[in-house]
N, C-alpha and C. Protein backbone atom coordinates (compact mmCIF):
# COMPACT_ATOMS: atom_id res chain seq x y z
N MET A 1 -23.60 11.04 27.24
CA MET A 1 -23.87 11.40 25.86
C MET A 1 -22.59 11.81 25.14
N ILE A 2 -21.73 12.56 25.82
CA ILE A 2 -20.48 13.00 25.22
C ILE A 2 -19.56 11.79 24.98
N VAL A 3 -19.57 10.83 25.89
CA VAL A 3 -18.73 9.63 25.74
C VAL A 3 -19.16 8.84 24.52
N LYS A 4 -20.46 8.67 24.31
CA LYS A 4 -20.94 7.93 23.14
C LYS A 4 -20.59 8.65 21.85
N ASN A 5 -20.64 9.96 21.85
CA ASN A 5 -20.27 10.73 20.67
C ASN A 5 -18.79 10.56 20.37
N GLN A 6 -17.95 10.56 21.41
CA GLN A 6 -16.51 10.35 21.20
C GLN A 6 -16.24 8.94 20.69
N GLU A 7 -16.98 7.94 21.19
CA GLU A 7 -16.83 6.58 20.69
C GLU A 7 -17.22 6.49 19.21
N ARG A 8 -18.26 7.21 18.83
CA ARG A 8 -18.68 7.23 17.43
C ARG A 8 -17.60 7.87 16.57
N ILE A 9 -17.02 8.96 17.03
CA ILE A 9 -15.96 9.63 16.27
C ILE A 9 -14.74 8.74 16.14
N ASP A 10 -14.36 8.08 17.25
CA ASP A 10 -13.21 7.17 17.22
C ASP A 10 -13.46 6.00 16.26
N SER A 11 -14.67 5.47 16.27
CA SER A 11 -15.02 4.38 15.38
C SER A 11 -14.96 4.83 13.92
N HIS A 12 -15.44 6.02 13.65
CA HIS A 12 -15.42 6.57 12.30
C HIS A 12 -13.98 6.78 11.83
N ASN A 13 -13.11 7.31 12.70
CA ASN A 13 -11.71 7.51 12.35
C ASN A 13 -11.01 6.18 12.09
N SER A 14 -11.33 5.17 12.89
CA SER A 14 -10.75 3.85 12.69
C SER A 14 -11.19 3.26 11.35
N MET A 15 -12.44 3.44 11.00
CA MET A 15 -12.96 2.96 9.73
C MET A 15 -12.26 3.67 8.57
N ASN A 16 -12.05 4.97 8.68
CA ASN A 16 -11.36 5.72 7.63
C ASN A 16 -9.91 5.25 7.49
N ASN A 17 -9.23 5.03 8.61
CA ASN A 17 -7.84 4.56 8.55
C ASN A 17 -7.75 3.18 7.91
N THR A 18 -8.67 2.30 8.24
CA THR A 18 -8.69 0.96 7.65
C THR A 18 -8.94 1.05 6.15
N ALA A 19 -9.85 1.90 5.73
CA ALA A 19 -10.14 2.07 4.30
C ALA A 19 -8.92 2.63 3.57
N MET A 20 -8.19 3.54 4.20
CA MET A 20 -7.00 4.11 3.58
C MET A 20 -5.92 3.04 3.41
N ILE A 21 -5.70 2.22 4.44
CA ILE A 21 -4.70 1.16 4.35
C ILE A 21 -5.08 0.16 3.27
N MET A 22 -6.35 -0.22 3.21
CA MET A 22 -6.80 -1.16 2.19
C MET A 22 -6.66 -0.57 0.79
N SER A 23 -6.87 0.73 0.65
CA SER A 23 -6.71 1.38 -0.65
C SER A 23 -5.25 1.36 -1.09
N VAL A 24 -4.33 1.58 -0.16
CA VAL A 24 -2.91 1.54 -0.49
C VAL A 24 -2.51 0.13 -0.91
N ILE A 25 -2.98 -0.88 -0.19
CA ILE A 25 -2.67 -2.27 -0.54
C ILE A 25 -3.25 -2.59 -1.91
N TRP A 26 -4.47 -2.15 -2.19
CA TRP A 26 -5.08 -2.38 -3.49
C TRP A 26 -4.28 -1.68 -4.59
N GLY A 27 -3.84 -0.44 -4.33
CA GLY A 27 -3.06 0.30 -5.32
C GLY A 27 -1.74 -0.39 -5.64
N VAL A 28 -1.07 -0.90 -4.61
CA VAL A 28 0.18 -1.62 -4.83
C VAL A 28 -0.09 -2.89 -5.62
N SER A 29 -1.18 -3.54 -5.34
CA SER A 29 -1.55 -4.76 -6.07
C SER A 29 -1.80 -4.44 -7.55
N VAL A 30 -2.50 -3.35 -7.82
CA VAL A 30 -2.76 -2.95 -9.21
C VAL A 30 -1.45 -2.59 -9.90
N LEU A 31 -0.57 -1.87 -9.22
CA LEU A 31 0.72 -1.53 -9.78
C LEU A 31 1.51 -2.80 -10.11
N ASP A 32 1.49 -3.74 -9.22
CA ASP A 32 2.19 -5.00 -9.44
C ASP A 32 1.58 -5.76 -10.61
N ALA A 33 0.26 -5.76 -10.71
CA ALA A 33 -0.42 -6.53 -11.75
C ALA A 33 -0.21 -5.93 -13.15
N PHE A 34 -0.18 -4.61 -13.26
CA PHE A 34 -0.12 -3.98 -14.58
C PHE A 34 1.25 -3.44 -14.94
N ALA A 35 1.92 -2.77 -14.04
CA ALA A 35 3.20 -2.13 -14.37
C ALA A 35 4.36 -3.11 -14.29
N LEU A 36 4.27 -4.09 -13.44
CA LEU A 36 5.39 -5.01 -13.24
C LEU A 36 5.09 -6.39 -13.80
N LEU A 37 4.25 -6.46 -14.82
CA LEU A 37 3.90 -7.75 -15.43
C LEU A 37 5.13 -8.45 -15.97
N PRO A 38 5.21 -9.75 -15.80
CA PRO A 38 6.31 -10.48 -16.45
C PRO A 38 6.10 -10.46 -17.96
N ARG A 39 7.14 -10.23 -18.69
CA ARG A 39 7.06 -10.17 -20.15
C ARG A 39 7.10 -11.59 -20.72
N LEU A 40 6.41 -11.78 -21.84
CA LEU A 40 6.47 -13.07 -22.51
C LEU A 40 7.87 -13.30 -23.08
N ARG A 41 8.45 -12.24 -23.67
CA ARG A 41 9.82 -12.30 -24.16
C ARG A 41 10.59 -11.16 -23.51
N PRO A 42 11.70 -11.45 -22.89
CA PRO A 42 12.46 -10.37 -22.27
C PRO A 42 13.00 -9.39 -23.31
N ILE A 43 12.98 -8.13 -22.97
CA ILE A 43 13.52 -7.09 -23.85
C ILE A 43 14.97 -6.88 -23.44
N PRO A 44 15.91 -7.05 -24.37
CA PRO A 44 17.32 -6.91 -24.00
C PRO A 44 17.63 -5.50 -23.48
N GLY A 45 18.31 -5.43 -22.37
CA GLY A 45 18.72 -4.14 -21.79
C GLY A 45 17.63 -3.44 -21.01
N ALA A 46 16.43 -3.98 -20.97
CA ALA A 46 15.35 -3.33 -20.22
C ALA A 46 14.98 -4.20 -19.03
N GLY A 47 14.49 -3.59 -18.02
CA GLY A 47 14.07 -4.36 -16.86
C GLY A 47 13.46 -3.48 -15.80
N VAL A 48 12.84 -4.13 -14.86
CA VAL A 48 12.21 -3.44 -13.74
C VAL A 48 12.69 -4.11 -12.47
N GLN A 49 13.14 -3.31 -11.53
CA GLN A 49 13.51 -3.82 -10.22
C GLN A 49 12.58 -3.20 -9.21
N SER A 50 12.03 -4.01 -8.31
CA SER A 50 11.13 -3.46 -7.31
C SER A 50 11.48 -4.02 -5.95
N ASP A 51 11.15 -3.26 -4.94
CA ASP A 51 11.40 -3.67 -3.56
C ASP A 51 10.22 -3.19 -2.73
N LEU A 52 9.56 -4.13 -2.05
CA LEU A 52 8.40 -3.82 -1.22
C LEU A 52 8.72 -4.21 0.21
N ASN A 53 8.61 -3.26 1.12
CA ASN A 53 8.92 -3.52 2.53
C ASN A 53 7.72 -3.15 3.40
N LEU A 54 7.32 -4.08 4.25
CA LEU A 54 6.29 -3.83 5.24
C LEU A 54 6.96 -3.88 6.61
N GLY A 55 6.55 -3.00 7.51
CA GLY A 55 7.12 -3.01 8.84
C GLY A 55 6.31 -2.15 9.78
N THR A 56 6.81 -2.04 10.98
CA THR A 56 6.18 -1.17 11.96
C THR A 56 7.22 -0.20 12.48
N GLN A 57 6.76 0.99 12.77
CA GLN A 57 7.63 2.02 13.30
C GLN A 57 6.83 2.83 14.29
N GLN A 58 7.24 2.81 15.54
CA GLN A 58 6.55 3.53 16.62
C GLN A 58 5.08 3.14 16.69
N GLY A 59 4.81 1.85 16.55
CA GLY A 59 3.44 1.36 16.67
C GLY A 59 2.58 1.60 15.45
N ARG A 60 3.16 2.05 14.34
CA ARG A 60 2.40 2.30 13.12
C ARG A 60 2.89 1.39 12.01
N LEU A 61 1.99 0.99 11.16
CA LEU A 61 2.32 0.16 10.01
C LEU A 61 2.97 1.02 8.95
N THR A 62 4.11 0.59 8.42
CA THR A 62 4.78 1.33 7.36
C THR A 62 4.86 0.46 6.12
N LEU A 63 4.73 1.08 4.98
CA LEU A 63 4.80 0.40 3.69
C LEU A 63 5.67 1.24 2.79
N SER A 64 6.73 0.66 2.26
CA SER A 64 7.57 1.39 1.32
C SER A 64 7.74 0.56 0.06
N LEU A 65 7.63 1.24 -1.05
CA LEU A 65 7.74 0.59 -2.36
C LEU A 65 8.71 1.41 -3.20
N SER A 66 9.70 0.75 -3.75
CA SER A 66 10.61 1.44 -4.66
C SER A 66 10.65 0.65 -5.97
N VAL A 67 10.56 1.38 -7.07
CA VAL A 67 10.56 0.76 -8.40
C VAL A 67 11.61 1.50 -9.23
N ALA A 68 12.46 0.74 -9.88
CA ALA A 68 13.49 1.32 -10.74
C ALA A 68 13.34 0.73 -12.14
N PHE A 69 13.26 1.60 -13.13
CA PHE A 69 13.16 1.17 -14.52
C PHE A 69 14.51 1.40 -15.19
N LYS A 70 14.98 0.40 -15.90
CA LYS A 70 16.25 0.53 -16.62
C LYS A 70 15.99 1.00 -18.03
């Protein structure tokens, strides 16, 4: 009985972690869609530079996003 309860807890934690990762990916997608939209006409002297890096570190998925506004 204790083993099944631990399996349920582990499954629940895994589901929460997956939902958190998907939320971060969705948030980055929304940021890309709205904040970093390509302009129809470029504004002189203004611009946005972004860098998105995905990787793994010690067996964990890492996501880093840097955005610079001029």
